[in-house]
Amino acid sequence: MTIPGVRSSFADDFYVLLVGWEPISTGGATFKVYLNPLINFVWLGGMIFILGTLVAAWPDAEVEIERVRQTKQVPAVVGAD
């Protein structure tokens, strides 16, 4: 199990993973290094997308009031011959 070294900033995320290491040999170790630039903008864009979806799906108050008025003004048939 490898635990990455992580450095996060607003501009980028930097990960270092230990991939291979032999304690007996003196050959060294193998690392994988990942640099993810502007990754926080992906999260920010997702939040803006969710907020925009909620705003677009919010019911319109005037339409709701008009629908309530129409249901209250339905004429009743008193006596049908």
N, C-alpha and C. Protein backbone atom coordinates (compact mmCIF):
# COMPACT_ATOMS: atom_id res chain seq x y z
N MET A 1 0.85 -1.17 0.00
CA MET A 1 0.00 0.00 0.00
C MET A 1 0.89 1.23 0.00
N THR A 2 0.61 2.14 -0.90
CA THR A 2 1.38 3.38 -0.95
C THR A 2 0.48 4.53 -0.59
N ILE A 3 0.98 5.41 0.19
CA ILE A 3 0.28 6.61 0.58
C ILE A 3 0.93 7.76 -0.17
N PRO A 4 0.17 8.50 -0.98
CA PRO A 4 0.79 9.55 -1.78
C PRO A 4 1.16 10.77 -0.95
N GLY A 5 2.18 11.44 -1.41
CA GLY A 5 2.49 12.76 -0.90
C GLY A 5 1.70 13.75 -1.73
N VAL A 6 0.95 14.61 -1.10
CA VAL A 6 0.05 15.51 -1.82
C VAL A 6 0.37 16.94 -1.42
N ARG A 7 0.41 17.80 -2.43
CA ARG A 7 0.49 19.24 -2.19
C ARG A 7 -0.60 19.87 -3.05
N SER A 8 -1.57 20.48 -2.40
CA SER A 8 -2.68 21.11 -3.10
C SER A 8 -2.59 22.62 -2.94
N SER A 9 -2.88 23.29 -4.02
CA SER A 9 -3.00 24.75 -4.00
C SER A 9 -4.16 25.10 -4.92
N PHE A 10 -4.48 26.37 -5.01
CA PHE A 10 -5.57 26.78 -5.88
C PHE A 10 -5.22 26.55 -7.34
N ALA A 11 -3.94 26.61 -7.67
CA ALA A 11 -3.51 26.47 -9.06
C ALA A 11 -3.39 25.03 -9.51
N ASP A 12 -2.97 24.10 -8.62
CA ASP A 12 -2.75 22.73 -9.06
C ASP A 12 -2.68 21.77 -7.88
N ASP A 13 -2.72 20.47 -8.21
CA ASP A 13 -2.50 19.39 -7.25
C ASP A 13 -1.27 18.62 -7.70
N PHE A 14 -0.41 18.29 -6.76
CA PHE A 14 0.84 17.61 -7.05
C PHE A 14 0.91 16.35 -6.19
N TYR A 15 0.97 15.17 -6.84
CA TYR A 15 0.99 13.88 -6.15
C TYR A 15 2.31 13.17 -6.43
N VAL A 16 2.87 12.52 -5.40
CA VAL A 16 4.05 11.68 -5.56
C VAL A 16 3.73 10.32 -4.94
N LEU A 17 3.85 9.25 -5.74
CA LEU A 17 3.55 7.89 -5.29
C LEU A 17 4.82 7.05 -5.34
N LEU A 18 5.04 6.26 -4.32
CA LEU A 18 6.13 5.29 -4.31
C LEU A 18 5.62 4.02 -4.98
N VAL A 19 6.18 3.68 -6.14
CA VAL A 19 5.70 2.54 -6.91
C VAL A 19 6.51 1.29 -6.60
N GLY A 20 7.82 1.40 -6.61
CA GLY A 20 8.64 0.22 -6.38
C GLY A 20 9.84 0.55 -5.51
N TRP A 21 10.16 -0.40 -4.60
CA TRP A 21 11.32 -0.19 -3.73
C TRP A 21 11.79 -1.55 -3.25
N GLU A 22 13.06 -1.81 -3.43
CA GLU A 22 13.67 -3.05 -2.98
C GLU A 22 14.63 -2.71 -1.84
N PRO A 23 14.33 -3.17 -0.62
CA PRO A 23 15.18 -2.81 0.52
C PRO A 23 16.57 -3.46 0.46
N ILE A 24 16.72 -4.56 -0.27
CA ILE A 24 18.01 -5.25 -0.31
C ILE A 24 18.95 -4.59 -1.31
N SER A 25 18.46 -4.22 -2.45
CA SER A 25 19.33 -3.64 -3.47
C SER A 25 19.54 -2.15 -3.21
N THR A 26 20.60 -1.65 -3.80
CA THR A 26 20.89 -0.22 -3.66
C THR A 26 20.52 0.53 -4.92
N GLY A 27 19.68 -0.10 -5.76
CA GLY A 27 19.31 0.50 -7.04
C GLY A 27 18.44 1.74 -6.90
N GLY A 28 17.70 1.84 -5.85
CA GLY A 28 16.88 3.01 -5.65
C GLY A 28 15.40 2.67 -5.58
N ALA A 29 14.61 3.65 -5.82
CA ALA A 29 13.16 3.51 -5.73
C ALA A 29 12.54 4.11 -6.98
N THR A 30 11.33 3.68 -7.26
CA THR A 30 10.59 4.19 -8.41
C THR A 30 9.40 4.99 -7.91
N PHE A 31 9.26 6.19 -8.44
CA PHE A 31 8.18 7.09 -8.07
C PHE A 31 7.35 7.43 -9.29
N LYS A 32 6.07 7.67 -9.08
CA LYS A 32 5.21 8.28 -10.10
C LYS A 32 4.83 9.65 -9.60
N VAL A 33 4.96 10.62 -10.46
CA VAL A 33 4.66 12.01 -10.11
C VAL A 33 3.54 12.49 -11.02
N TYR A 34 2.47 13.01 -10.41
CA TYR A 34 1.33 13.54 -11.14
C TYR A 34 1.16 15.02 -10.81
N LEU A 35 0.99 15.81 -11.85
CA LEU A 35 0.68 17.23 -11.69
C LEU A 35 -0.65 17.48 -12.39
N ASN A 36 -1.67 17.83 -11.62
CA ASN A 36 -3.00 18.12 -12.16
C ASN A 36 -3.24 19.63 -12.06
N PRO A 37 -3.00 20.36 -13.14
CA PRO A 37 -3.18 21.81 -13.08
C PRO A 37 -4.66 22.19 -13.09
N LEU A 38 -4.98 23.23 -12.36
CA LEU A 38 -6.31 23.84 -12.34
C LEU A 38 -7.42 22.87 -11.96
N ILE A 39 -7.13 21.89 -11.14
CA ILE A 39 -8.13 20.89 -10.75
C ILE A 39 -9.24 21.50 -9.90
N ASN A 40 -8.96 22.54 -9.17
CA ASN A 40 -10.00 23.17 -8.35
C ASN A 40 -11.06 23.86 -9.20
N PHE A 41 -10.69 24.24 -10.43
CA PHE A 41 -11.70 24.82 -11.32
C PHE A 41 -12.72 23.77 -11.76
N VAL A 42 -12.32 22.50 -11.80
CA VAL A 42 -13.27 21.43 -12.11
C VAL A 42 -14.32 21.35 -11.00
N TRP A 43 -13.87 21.37 -9.75
CA TRP A 43 -14.81 21.34 -8.61
C TRP A 43 -15.69 22.59 -8.60
N LEU A 44 -15.11 23.75 -8.84
CA LEU A 44 -15.88 24.99 -8.89
C LEU A 44 -16.92 24.94 -10.01
N GLY A 45 -16.55 24.43 -11.16
CA GLY A 45 -17.49 24.31 -12.28
C GLY A 45 -18.63 23.36 -11.94
N GLY A 46 -18.33 22.29 -11.23
CA GLY A 46 -19.39 21.36 -10.81
C GLY A 46 -20.37 22.01 -9.86
N MET A 47 -19.87 22.80 -8.94
CA MET A 47 -20.75 23.50 -8.00
C MET A 47 -21.63 24.53 -8.72
N ILE A 48 -21.05 25.24 -9.68
CA ILE A 48 -21.83 26.21 -10.46
C ILE A 48 -22.89 25.48 -11.29
N PHE A 49 -22.55 24.33 -11.83
CA PHE A 49 -23.51 23.53 -12.60
C PHE A 49 -24.69 23.09 -11.73
N ILE A 50 -24.41 22.62 -10.53
CA ILE A 50 -25.49 22.20 -9.62
C ILE A 50 -26.35 23.39 -9.22
N LEU A 51 -25.73 24.52 -8.91
CA LEU A 51 -26.48 25.72 -8.55
C LEU A 51 -27.36 26.19 -9.71
N GLY A 52 -26.83 26.16 -10.92
CA GLY A 52 -27.62 26.55 -12.09
C GLY A 52 -28.79 25.63 -12.35
N THR A 53 -28.59 24.33 -12.10
CA THR A 53 -29.68 23.37 -12.26
C THR A 53 -30.79 23.63 -11.25
N LEU A 54 -30.41 23.93 -10.01
CA LEU A 54 -31.41 24.23 -8.99
C LEU A 54 -32.18 25.50 -9.30
N VAL A 55 -31.50 26.51 -9.80
CA VAL A 55 -32.18 27.76 -10.17
C VAL A 55 -33.12 27.53 -11.34
N ALA A 56 -32.70 26.76 -12.33
CA ALA A 56 -33.55 26.50 -13.49
C ALA A 56 -34.76 25.65 -13.13
N ALA A 57 -34.62 24.77 -12.17
CA ALA A 57 -35.72 23.87 -11.80
C ALA A 57 -36.66 24.49 -10.77
N TRP A 58 -36.32 25.65 -10.23
CA TRP A 58 -37.13 26.29 -9.21
C TRP A 58 -38.46 26.71 -9.82
N PRO A 59 -39.59 26.42 -9.16
CA PRO A 59 -40.88 26.78 -9.76
C PRO A 59 -41.09 28.29 -9.78
N ASP A 60 -41.77 28.74 -10.83
CA ASP A 60 -42.06 30.16 -10.99
C ASP A 60 -43.26 30.51 -10.11
N ALA A 61 -43.16 31.54 -9.29
CA ALA A 61 -44.22 31.90 -8.34
C ALA A 61 -45.48 32.37 -9.06
N GLU A 62 -45.35 33.15 -10.14
CA GLU A 62 -46.53 33.66 -10.84
C GLU A 62 -47.32 32.53 -11.50
N VAL A 63 -46.66 31.56 -12.03
CA VAL A 63 -47.34 30.43 -12.65
C VAL A 63 -48.09 29.64 -11.59
N GLU A 64 -47.49 29.45 -10.45
CA GLU A 64 -48.13 28.70 -9.35
C GLU A 64 -49.36 29.45 -8.85
N ILE A 65 -49.28 30.77 -8.71
CA ILE A 65 -50.43 31.57 -8.26
C ILE A 65 -51.56 31.49 -9.28
N GLU A 66 -51.24 31.58 -10.56
CA GLU A 66 -52.25 31.49 -11.61
C GLU A 66 -52.92 30.12 -11.61
N ARG A 67 -52.17 29.09 -11.38
CA ARG A 67 -52.75 27.74 -11.35
C ARG A 67 -53.71 27.59 -10.17
N VAL A 68 -53.36 28.18 -9.02
CA VAL A 68 -54.25 28.13 -7.86
C VAL A 68 -55.52 28.92 -8.13
N ARG A 69 -55.43 30.08 -8.79
CA ARG A 69 -56.61 30.88 -9.12
C ARG A 69 -57.54 30.12 -10.07
N GLN A 70 -56.97 29.43 -11.04
CA GLN A 70 -57.79 28.70 -12.01
C GLN A 70 -58.53 27.54 -11.33
N THR A 71 -57.91 26.89 -10.39
CA THR A 71 -58.59 25.78 -9.73
C THR A 71 -59.68 26.26 -8.79
N LYS A 72 -59.59 27.48 -8.26
CA LYS A 72 -60.60 28.01 -7.36
C LYS A 72 -61.80 28.55 -8.12
N GLN A 73 -61.68 28.92 -9.38
CA GLN A 73 -62.75 29.55 -10.13
C GLN A 73 -63.48 28.57 -11.05
N VAL A 74 -63.50 27.33 -10.73
CA VAL A 74 -64.20 26.36 -11.54
C VAL A 74 -65.69 26.45 -11.22
N PRO A 75 -66.54 26.71 -12.22
CA PRO A 75 -67.99 26.82 -11.95
C PRO A 75 -68.58 25.44 -11.64
N ALA A 76 -69.51 25.44 -10.74
CA ALA A 76 -70.17 24.20 -10.35
C ALA A 76 -71.52 24.11 -11.04
N VAL A 77 -71.88 22.95 -11.47
CA VAL A 77 -73.18 22.72 -12.08
C VAL A 77 -74.15 22.36 -10.96
N VAL A 78 -75.20 23.20 -10.77
CA VAL A 78 -76.10 23.03 -9.65
C VAL A 78 -77.14 21.96 -9.94
N GLY A 79 -77.83 22.10 -10.96
CA GLY A 79 -78.87 21.13 -11.26
C GLY A 79 -78.90 20.86 -12.74
N ALA A 80 -78.62 19.68 -13.09
CA ALA A 80 -78.68 19.33 -14.50
C ALA A 80 -79.93 18.54 -14.75
N ASP A 81 -80.88 19.14 -15.19
CA ASP A 81 -82.21 18.63 -15.54
C ASP A 81 -82.40 17.20 -15.37
